[in-house]
Each structure stands twice: as structure tokens, then as C-alpha cells.
Amino acid sequence: MTSNSSLGFGGGVVLYATKLSGSLLGIPITLTQGNVVTVLLKLLNSLTPLVPVTMTNVTTDDFLVASDSLQANDLTITSG
């Protein structure tokens, strides 16, 4: 199990996750493969270089992140 008060990713960031839940602009959302919200976000994907997307209160299972840089505060990793 991994927990952290905040993670900051920089540069080119790619996130692979089977499920991602959190708040986007204060609205709770859950993204899964093929749900309507995910499809709409894919259509808007070309805007993210111009308008950064910030999610808060994020939870996910089975994830992989690749990025140019990572900043972590209070990172805790335990075997589960």
C-alpha cells in the first residue's frame, strides 16, 4: 500500500489506471475504461497542453505512472 499527502508530477506524464476516482473542478467523478466521462475527456485531450487538468482527493487501484519528475511529501510504502 502506498499513501502520500501529495504527489507532484512534472514534464511528460502518462498515467495508466483501471479506475480513477476524485474531484475535478469540485465535482466527484470516477473514470473507468469506456465510461461516458472517460470518452468525453478523451475528446478534450487535445486541450490539456493549453488548460492544465487538476484532480484532487484522488484514489486509484492498479496504477502505473511514468513522468520526467516526481515530488513526494510524506511518502509511505508498506507491504499489504
PDB file of N, CA and C in Angstrom:
ATOM      1  N   MET A   1       0.846  -1.173   0.000  1.00  0.00           N
ATOM      2  CA  MET A   1       0.000   0.000   0.000  1.00  0.00           C
ATOM      3  C   MET A   1       0.886   1.229   0.000  1.00  0.00           C
ATOM      4  N   THR A   2       0.491   2.220  -0.781  1.00  0.00           N
ATOM      5  CA  THR A   2       1.223   3.471  -0.866  1.00  0.00           C
ATOM      6  C   THR A   2       0.291   4.598  -0.475  1.00  0.00           C
ATOM      7  N   SER A   3       0.751   5.483   0.399  1.00  0.00           N
ATOM      8  CA  SER A   3      -0.053   6.652   0.745  1.00  0.00           C
ATOM      9  C   SER A   3       0.847   7.870   0.769  1.00  0.00           C
ATOM     10  N   ASN A   4       0.245   9.017   0.500  1.00  0.00           N
ATOM     11  CA  ASN A   4       1.013  10.237   0.414  1.00  0.00           C
ATOM     12  C   ASN A   4       0.081  11.414   0.583  1.00  0.00           C
ATOM     13  N   SER A   5       0.573  12.490   1.209  1.00  0.00           N
ATOM     14  CA  SER A   5      -0.249  13.682   1.346  1.00  0.00           C
ATOM     15  C   SER A   5      -0.353  14.432   0.021  1.00  0.00           C
ATOM     16  N   SER A   6       0.688  14.340  -0.810  1.00  0.00           N
ATOM     17  CA  SER A   6       0.619  14.951  -2.142  1.00  0.00           C
ATOM     18  C   SER A   6       1.714  14.373  -3.026  1.00  0.00           C
ATOM     19  N   LEU A   7       1.407  14.265  -4.301  1.00  0.00           N
ATOM     20  CA  LEU A   7       2.380  13.867  -5.311  1.00  0.00           C
ATOM     21  C   LEU A   7       2.326  14.895  -6.418  1.00  0.00           C
ATOM     22  N   GLY A   8       3.466  15.357  -6.856  1.00  0.00           N
ATOM     23  CA  GLY A   8       3.528  16.290  -7.974  1.00  0.00           C
ATOM     24  C   GLY A   8       4.346  15.687  -9.090  1.00  0.00           C
ATOM     25  N   PHE A   9       3.759  15.562 -10.270  1.00  0.00           N
ATOM     26  CA  PHE A   9       4.444  15.008 -11.430  1.00  0.00           C
ATOM     27  C   PHE A   9       4.734  16.138 -12.401  1.00  0.00           C
ATOM     28  N   GLY A  10       5.892  16.087 -13.057  1.00  0.00           N
ATOM     29  CA  GLY A  10       6.247  17.141 -13.992  1.00  0.00           C
ATOM     30  C   GLY A  10       6.739  16.595 -15.309  1.00  0.00           C
ATOM     31  N   GLY A  11       6.802  17.483 -16.292  1.00  0.00           N
ATOM     32  CA  GLY A  11       7.242  17.086 -17.619  1.00  0.00           C
ATOM     33  C   GLY A  11       6.176  16.261 -18.308  1.00  0.00           C
ATOM     34  N   GLY A  12       6.588  15.338 -19.142  1.00  0.00           N
ATOM     35  CA  GLY A  12       5.637  14.442 -19.781  1.00  0.00           C
ATOM     36  C   GLY A  12       5.130  13.427 -18.772  1.00  0.00           C
ATOM     37  N   VAL A  13       3.833  13.375 -18.561  1.00  0.00           N
ATOM     38  CA  VAL A  13       3.243  12.472 -17.574  1.00  0.00           C
ATOM     39  C   VAL A  13       2.252  11.542 -18.263  1.00  0.00           C
ATOM     40  N   VAL A  14       2.413  10.234 -18.006  1.00  0.00           N
ATOM     41  CA  VAL A  14       1.475   9.238 -18.509  1.00  0.00           C
ATOM     42  C   VAL A  14       1.000   8.434 -17.312  1.00  0.00           C
ATOM     43  N   LEU A  15      -0.322   8.319 -17.161  1.00  0.00           N
ATOM     44  CA  LEU A  15      -0.911   7.561 -16.065  1.00  0.00           C
ATOM     45  C   LEU A  15      -1.762   6.456 -16.647  1.00  0.00           C
ATOM     46  N   TYR A  16      -1.479   5.239 -16.221  1.00  0.00           N
ATOM     47  CA  TYR A  16      -2.302   4.090 -16.586  1.00  0.00           C
ATOM     48  C   TYR A  16      -2.988   3.621 -15.311  1.00  0.00           C
ATOM     49  N   ALA A  17      -4.326   3.511 -15.340  1.00  0.00           N
ATOM     50  CA  ALA A  17      -5.069   3.046 -14.169  1.00  0.00           C
ATOM     51  C   ALA A  17      -6.346   2.369 -14.644  1.00  0.00           C
ATOM     52  N   THR A  18      -6.757   1.329 -13.920  1.00  0.00           N
ATOM     53  CA  THR A  18      -8.000   0.648 -14.276  1.00  0.00           C
ATOM     54  C   THR A  18      -9.220   1.415 -13.775  1.00  0.00           C
ATOM     55  N   LYS A  19      -9.024   2.216 -12.711  1.00  0.00           N
ATOM     56  CA  LYS A  19     -10.108   3.027 -12.156  1.00  0.00           C
ATOM     57  C   LYS A  19      -9.470   4.213 -11.451  1.00  0.00           C
ATOM     58  N   LEU A  20     -10.045   5.402 -11.661  1.00  0.00           N
ATOM     59  CA  LEU A  20      -9.528   6.617 -11.051  1.00  0.00           C
ATOM     60  C   LEU A  20     -10.713   7.417 -10.542  1.00  0.00           C
ATOM     61  N   SER A  21     -10.731   7.695  -9.248  1.00  0.00           N
ATOM     62  CA  SER A  21     -11.813   8.477  -8.655  1.00  0.00           C
ATOM     63  C   SER A  21     -11.224   9.714  -7.998  1.00  0.00           C
ATOM     64  N   GLY A  22     -11.984  10.806  -8.016  1.00  0.00           N
ATOM     65  CA  GLY A  22     -11.532  12.041  -7.388  1.00  0.00           C
ATOM     66  C   GLY A  22     -12.479  13.169  -7.701  1.00  0.00           C
ATOM     67  N   SER A  23     -12.003  14.378  -7.479  1.00  0.00           N
ATOM     68  CA  SER A  23     -12.798  15.576  -7.756  1.00  0.00           C
ATOM     69  C   SER A  23     -12.144  16.362  -8.871  1.00  0.00           C
ATOM     70  N   LEU A  24     -12.934  16.750  -9.846  1.00  0.00           N
ATOM     71  CA  LEU A  24     -12.477  17.579 -10.959  1.00  0.00           C
ATOM     72  C   LEU A  24     -13.331  18.834 -10.941  1.00  0.00           C
ATOM     73  N   LEU A  25     -12.681  19.969 -10.671  1.00  0.00           N
ATOM     74  CA  LEU A  25     -13.399  21.242 -10.502  1.00  0.00           C
ATOM     75  C   LEU A  25     -14.455  21.135  -9.410  1.00  0.00           C
ATOM     76  N   GLY A  26     -14.148  20.362  -8.349  1.00  0.00           N
ATOM     77  CA  GLY A  26     -15.068  20.204  -7.236  1.00  0.00           C
ATOM     78  C   GLY A  26     -16.179  19.199  -7.449  1.00  0.00           C
ATOM     79  N   ILE A  27     -16.200  18.563  -8.609  1.00  0.00           N
ATOM     80  CA  ILE A  27     -17.251  17.592  -8.939  1.00  0.00           C
ATOM     81  C   ILE A  27     -16.670  16.190  -8.813  1.00  0.00           C
ATOM     82  N   PRO A  28     -17.283  15.328  -7.965  1.00  0.00           N
ATOM     83  CA  PRO A  28     -16.778  13.958  -7.840  1.00  0.00           C
ATOM     84  C   PRO A  28     -17.005  13.164  -9.129  1.00  0.00           C
ATOM     85  N   ILE A  29     -15.934  12.502  -9.598  1.00  0.00           N
ATOM     86  CA  ILE A  29     -16.045  11.687 -10.812  1.00  0.00           C
ATOM     87  C   ILE A  29     -15.282  10.385 -10.624  1.00  0.00           C
ATOM     88  N   THR A  30     -15.660   9.382 -11.367  1.00  0.00           N
ATOM     89  CA  THR A  30     -14.925   8.123 -11.439  1.00  0.00           C
ATOM     90  C   THR A  30     -14.697   7.804 -12.904  1.00  0.00           C
ATOM     91  N   LEU A  31     -13.444   7.574 -13.246  1.00  0.00           N
ATOM     92  CA  LEU A  31     -13.078   7.238 -14.616  1.00  0.00           C
ATOM     93  C   LEU A  31     -12.745   5.759 -14.688  1.00  0.00           C
ATOM     94  N   THR A  32     -13.379   5.054 -15.604  1.00  0.00           N
ATOM     95  CA  THR A  32     -13.061   3.662 -15.896  1.00  0.00           C
ATOM     96  C   THR A  32     -13.005   3.515 -17.405  1.00  0.00           C
ATOM     97  N   GLN A  33     -12.443   2.424 -17.869  1.00  0.00           N
ATOM     98  CA  GLN A  33     -12.339   2.197 -19.305  1.00  0.00           C
ATOM     99  C   GLN A  33     -13.721   2.233 -19.952  1.00  0.00           C
ATOM    100  N   GLY A  34     -13.909   3.157 -20.872  1.00  0.00           N
ATOM    101  CA  GLY A  34     -15.121   3.189 -21.679  1.00  0.00           C
ATOM    102  C   GLY A  34     -16.327   3.887 -21.077  1.00  0.00           C
ATOM    103  N   ASN A  35     -16.261   4.419 -19.806  1.00  0.00           N
ATOM    104  CA  ASN A  35     -17.448   5.111 -19.322  1.00  0.00           C
ATOM    105  C   ASN A  35     -17.584   6.465 -20.012  1.00  0.00           C
ATOM    106  N   VAL A  36     -18.747   7.065 -19.936  1.00  0.00           N
ATOM    107  CA  VAL A  36     -19.052   8.284 -20.691  1.00  0.00           C
ATOM    108  C   VAL A  36     -18.096   9.415 -20.343  1.00  0.00           C
ATOM    109  N   VAL A  37     -17.778   9.588 -19.066  1.00  0.00           N
ATOM    110  CA  VAL A  37     -16.873  10.666 -18.663  1.00  0.00           C
ATOM    111  C   VAL A  37     -15.506  10.472 -19.298  1.00  0.00           C
ATOM    112  N   THR A  38     -15.015   9.235 -19.312  1.00  0.00           N
ATOM    113  CA  THR A  38     -13.715   8.945 -19.900  1.00  0.00           C
ATOM    114  C   THR A  38     -13.709   9.252 -21.392  1.00  0.00           C
ATOM    115  N   VAL A  39     -14.765   8.880 -22.083  1.00  0.00           N
ATOM    116  CA  VAL A  39     -14.866   9.158 -23.518  1.00  0.00           C
ATOM    117  C   VAL A  39     -14.865  10.657 -23.783  1.00  0.00           C
ATOM    118  N   LEU A  40     -15.609  11.426 -22.973  1.00  0.00           N
ATOM    119  CA  LEU A  40     -15.638  12.880 -23.146  1.00  0.00           C
ATOM    120  C   LEU A  40     -14.272  13.502 -22.885  1.00  0.00           C
ATOM    121  N   LEU A  41     -13.570  13.013 -21.856  1.00  0.00           N
ATOM    122  CA  LEU A  41     -12.242  13.546 -21.572  1.00  0.00           C
ATOM    123  C   LEU A  41     -11.257  13.230 -22.689  1.00  0.00           C
ATOM    124  N   LYS A  42     -11.405  12.076 -23.325  1.00  0.00           N
ATOM    125  CA  LYS A  42     -10.535  11.751 -24.460  1.00  0.00           C
ATOM    126  C   LYS A  42     -10.756  12.745 -25.611  1.00  0.00           C
ATOM    127  N   LEU A  43     -12.007  13.147 -25.819  1.00  0.00           N
ATOM    128  CA  LEU A  43     -12.298  14.125 -26.865  1.00  0.00           C
ATOM    129  C   LEU A  43     -11.654  15.477 -26.557  1.00  0.00           C
ATOM    130  N   LEU A  44     -11.559  15.811 -25.263  1.00  0.00           N
ATOM    131  CA  LEU A  44     -10.973  17.085 -24.859  1.00  0.00           C
ATOM    132  C   LEU A  44      -9.459  16.995 -24.631  1.00  0.00           C
ATOM    133  N   ASN A  45      -8.885  15.837 -24.860  1.00  0.00           N
ATOM    134  CA  ASN A  45      -7.472  15.593 -24.577  1.00  0.00           C
ATOM    135  C   ASN A  45      -6.545  16.595 -25.257  1.00  0.00           C
ATOM    136  N   SER A  46      -6.897  17.067 -26.420  1.00  0.00           N
ATOM    137  CA  SER A  46      -6.023  18.000 -27.132  1.00  0.00           C
ATOM    138  C   SER A  46      -5.930  19.349 -26.427  1.00  0.00           C
ATOM    139  N   LEU A  47      -6.836  19.653 -25.505  1.00  0.00           N
ATOM    140  CA  LEU A  47      -6.796  20.917 -24.787  1.00  0.00           C
ATOM    141  C   LEU A  47      -5.871  20.903 -23.578  1.00  0.00           C
ATOM    142  N   THR A  48      -5.526  19.731 -23.040  1.00  0.00           N
ATOM    143  CA  THR A  48      -4.761  19.688 -21.798  1.00  0.00           C
ATOM    144  C   THR A  48      -3.401  20.376 -21.859  1.00  0.00           C
ATOM    145  N   PRO A  49      -2.725  20.448 -23.019  1.00  0.00           N
ATOM    146  CA  PRO A  49      -1.496  21.249 -23.017  1.00  0.00           C
ATOM    147  C   PRO A  49      -1.777  22.736 -22.796  1.00  0.00           C
ATOM    148  N   LEU A  50      -2.959  23.202 -23.174  1.00  0.00           N
ATOM    149  CA  LEU A  50      -3.309  24.608 -23.022  1.00  0.00           C
ATOM    150  C   LEU A  50      -3.990  24.893 -21.690  1.00  0.00           C
ATOM    151  N   VAL A  51      -4.758  23.943 -21.197  1.00  0.00           N
ATOM    152  CA  VAL A  51      -5.510  24.100 -19.950  1.00  0.00           C
ATOM    153  C   VAL A  51      -5.165  22.921 -19.049  1.00  0.00           C
ATOM    154  N   PRO A  52      -4.296  23.126 -18.044  1.00  0.00           N
ATOM    155  CA  PRO A  52      -3.923  22.010 -17.166  1.00  0.00           C
ATOM    156  C   PRO A  52      -5.139  21.429 -16.442  1.00  0.00           C
ATOM    157  N   VAL A  53      -5.131  20.124 -16.259  1.00  0.00           N
ATOM    158  CA  VAL A  53      -6.211  19.427 -15.566  1.00  0.00           C
ATOM    159  C   VAL A  53      -5.702  19.044 -14.178  1.00  0.00           C
ATOM    160  N   THR A  54      -6.442  19.444 -13.141  1.00  0.00           N
ATOM    161  CA  THR A  54      -6.069  19.111 -11.773  1.00  0.00           C
ATOM    162  C   THR A  54      -7.201  18.344 -11.111  1.00  0.00           C
ATOM    163  N   MET A  55      -6.885  17.149 -10.615  1.00  0.00           N
ATOM    164  CA  MET A  55      -7.835  16.363  -9.831  1.00  0.00           C
ATOM    165  C   MET A  55      -7.362  16.367  -8.392  1.00  0.00           C
ATOM    166  N   THR A  56      -8.310  16.416  -7.454  1.00  0.00           N
ATOM    167  CA  THR A  56      -7.992  16.358  -6.037  1.00  0.00           C
ATOM    168  C   THR A  56      -8.677  15.151  -5.408  1.00  0.00           C
ATOM    169  N   ASN A  57      -8.247  14.769  -4.220  1.00  0.00           N
ATOM    170  CA  ASN A  57      -8.814  13.628  -3.495  1.00  0.00           C
ATOM    171  C   ASN A  57      -8.832  12.370  -4.358  1.00  0.00           C
ATOM    172  N   VAL A  58      -7.725  12.103  -5.024  1.00  0.00           N
ATOM    173  CA  VAL A  58      -7.649  11.005  -5.987  1.00  0.00           C
ATOM    174  C   VAL A  58      -7.399   9.679  -5.277  1.00  0.00           C
ATOM    175  N   THR A  59      -8.148   8.663  -5.691  1.00  0.00           N
ATOM    176  CA  THR A  59      -7.884   7.288  -5.284  1.00  0.00           C
ATOM    177  C   THR A  59      -7.872   6.430  -6.541  1.00  0.00           C
ATOM    178  N   THR A  60      -7.033   5.391  -6.534  1.00  0.00           N
ATOM    179  CA  THR A  60      -6.935   4.507  -7.684  1.00  0.00           C
ATOM    180  C   THR A  60      -6.429   3.137  -7.248  1.00  0.00           C
ATOM    181  N   ASP A  61      -6.689   2.161  -8.076  1.00  0.00           N
ATOM    182  CA  ASP A  61      -6.165   0.814  -7.871  1.00  0.00           C
ATOM    183  C   ASP A  61      -5.339   0.442  -9.091  1.00  0.00           C
ATOM    184  N   ASP A  62      -4.330  -0.381  -8.899  1.00  0.00           N
ATOM    185  CA  ASP A  62      -3.554  -0.934 -10.015  1.00  0.00           C
ATOM    186  C   ASP A  62      -3.116   0.147 -10.997  1.00  0.00           C
ATOM    187  N   PHE A  63      -2.195   0.986 -10.580  1.00  0.00           N
ATOM    188  CA  PHE A  63      -1.773   2.091 -11.429  1.00  0.00           C
ATOM    189  C   PHE A  63      -0.291   2.006 -11.779  1.00  0.00           C
ATOM    190  N   LEU A  64       0.063   2.711 -12.833  1.00  0.00           N
ATOM    191  CA  LEU A  64       1.448   2.878 -13.262  1.00  0.00           C
ATOM    192  C   LEU A  64       1.589   4.310 -13.736  1.00  0.00           C
ATOM    193  N   VAL A  65       2.601   5.015 -13.251  1.00  0.00           N
ATOM    194  CA  VAL A  65       2.849   6.398 -13.665  1.00  0.00           C
ATOM    195  C   VAL A  65       4.254   6.482 -14.229  1.00  0.00           C
ATOM    196  N   ALA A  66       4.376   7.136 -15.364  1.00  0.00           N
ATOM    197  CA  ALA A  66       5.680   7.447 -15.937  1.00  0.00           C
ATOM    198  C   ALA A  66       5.747   8.965 -16.100  1.00  0.00           C
ATOM    199  N   SER A  67       6.818   9.586 -15.593  1.00  0.00           N
ATOM    200  CA  SER A  67       6.943  11.039 -15.709  1.00  0.00           C
ATOM    201  C   SER A  67       8.409  11.427 -15.722  1.00  0.00           C
ATOM    202  N   ASP A  68       8.649  12.659 -16.147  1.00  0.00           N
ATOM    203  CA  ASP A  68      10.010  13.176 -16.165  1.00  0.00           C
ATOM    204  C   ASP A  68      10.503  13.498 -14.757  1.00  0.00           C
ATOM    205  N   SER A  69       9.578  13.895 -13.850  1.00  0.00           N
ATOM    206  CA  SER A  69       9.970  14.202 -12.477  1.00  0.00           C
ATOM    207  C   SER A  69       8.818  13.897 -11.518  1.00  0.00           C
ATOM    208  N   LEU A  70       9.174  13.680 -10.253  1.00  0.00           N
ATOM    209  CA  LEU A  70       8.191  13.386  -9.211  1.00  0.00           C
ATOM    210  C   LEU A  70       8.621  14.073  -7.932  1.00  0.00           C
ATOM    211  N   GLN A  71       7.671  14.749  -7.277  1.00  0.00           N
ATOM    212  CA  GLN A  71       7.912  15.316  -5.963  1.00  0.00           C
ATOM    213  C   GLN A  71       6.908  14.693  -5.008  1.00  0.00           C
ATOM    214  N   ALA A  72       7.390  14.071  -3.927  1.00  0.00           N
ATOM    215  CA  ALA A  72       6.515  13.401  -2.969  1.00  0.00           C
ATOM    216  C   ALA A  72       6.817  13.912  -1.563  1.00  0.00           C
ATOM    217  N   ASN A  73       5.757  14.210  -0.815  1.00  0.00           N
ATOM    218  CA  ASN A  73       5.873  14.608   0.577  1.00  0.00           C
ATOM    219  C   ASN A  73       5.239  13.541   1.450  1.00  0.00           C
ATOM    220  N   ASP A  74       5.901  13.138   2.519  1.00  0.00           N
ATOM    221  CA  ASP A  74       5.368  12.148   3.469  1.00  0.00           C
ATOM    222  C   ASP A  74       4.985  10.845   2.800  1.00  0.00           C
ATOM    223  N   LEU A  75       5.810  10.328   1.912  1.00  0.00           N
ATOM    224  CA  LEU A  75       5.524   9.079   1.197  1.00  0.00           C
ATOM    225  C   LEU A  75       5.705   7.881   2.120  1.00  0.00           C
ATOM    226  N   THR A  76       4.715   7.001   2.143  1.00  0.00           N
ATOM    227  CA  THR A  76       4.770   5.780   2.928  1.00  0.00           C
ATOM    228  C   THR A  76       4.434   4.593   2.027  1.00  0.00           C
ATOM    229  N   ILE A  77       5.307   3.579   1.998  1.00  0.00           N
ATOM    230  CA  ILE A  77       5.070   2.372   1.212  1.00  0.00           C
ATOM    231  C   ILE A  77       5.143   1.185   2.173  1.00  0.00           C
ATOM    232  N   THR A  78       4.080   0.385   2.215  1.00  0.00           N
ATOM    233  CA  THR A  78       4.051  -0.803   3.071  1.00  0.00           C
ATOM    234  C   THR A  78       3.589  -1.998   2.263  1.00  0.00           C
ATOM    235  N   SER A  79       4.001  -3.182   2.682  1.00  0.00           N
ATOM    236  CA  SER A  79       3.509  -4.384   2.001  1.00  0.00           C
ATOM    237  C   SER A  79       2.142  -4.707   2.558  1.00  0.00           C
ATOM    238  N   GLY A  80       1.268  -5.169   1.692  1.00  0.00           N
ATOM    239  CA  GLY A  80      -0.106  -5.316   2.108  1.00  0.00           C
ATOM    240  C   GLY A  80      -0.581  -6.666   2.304  1.00  0.00           C
TER     241      GLY A  80
END
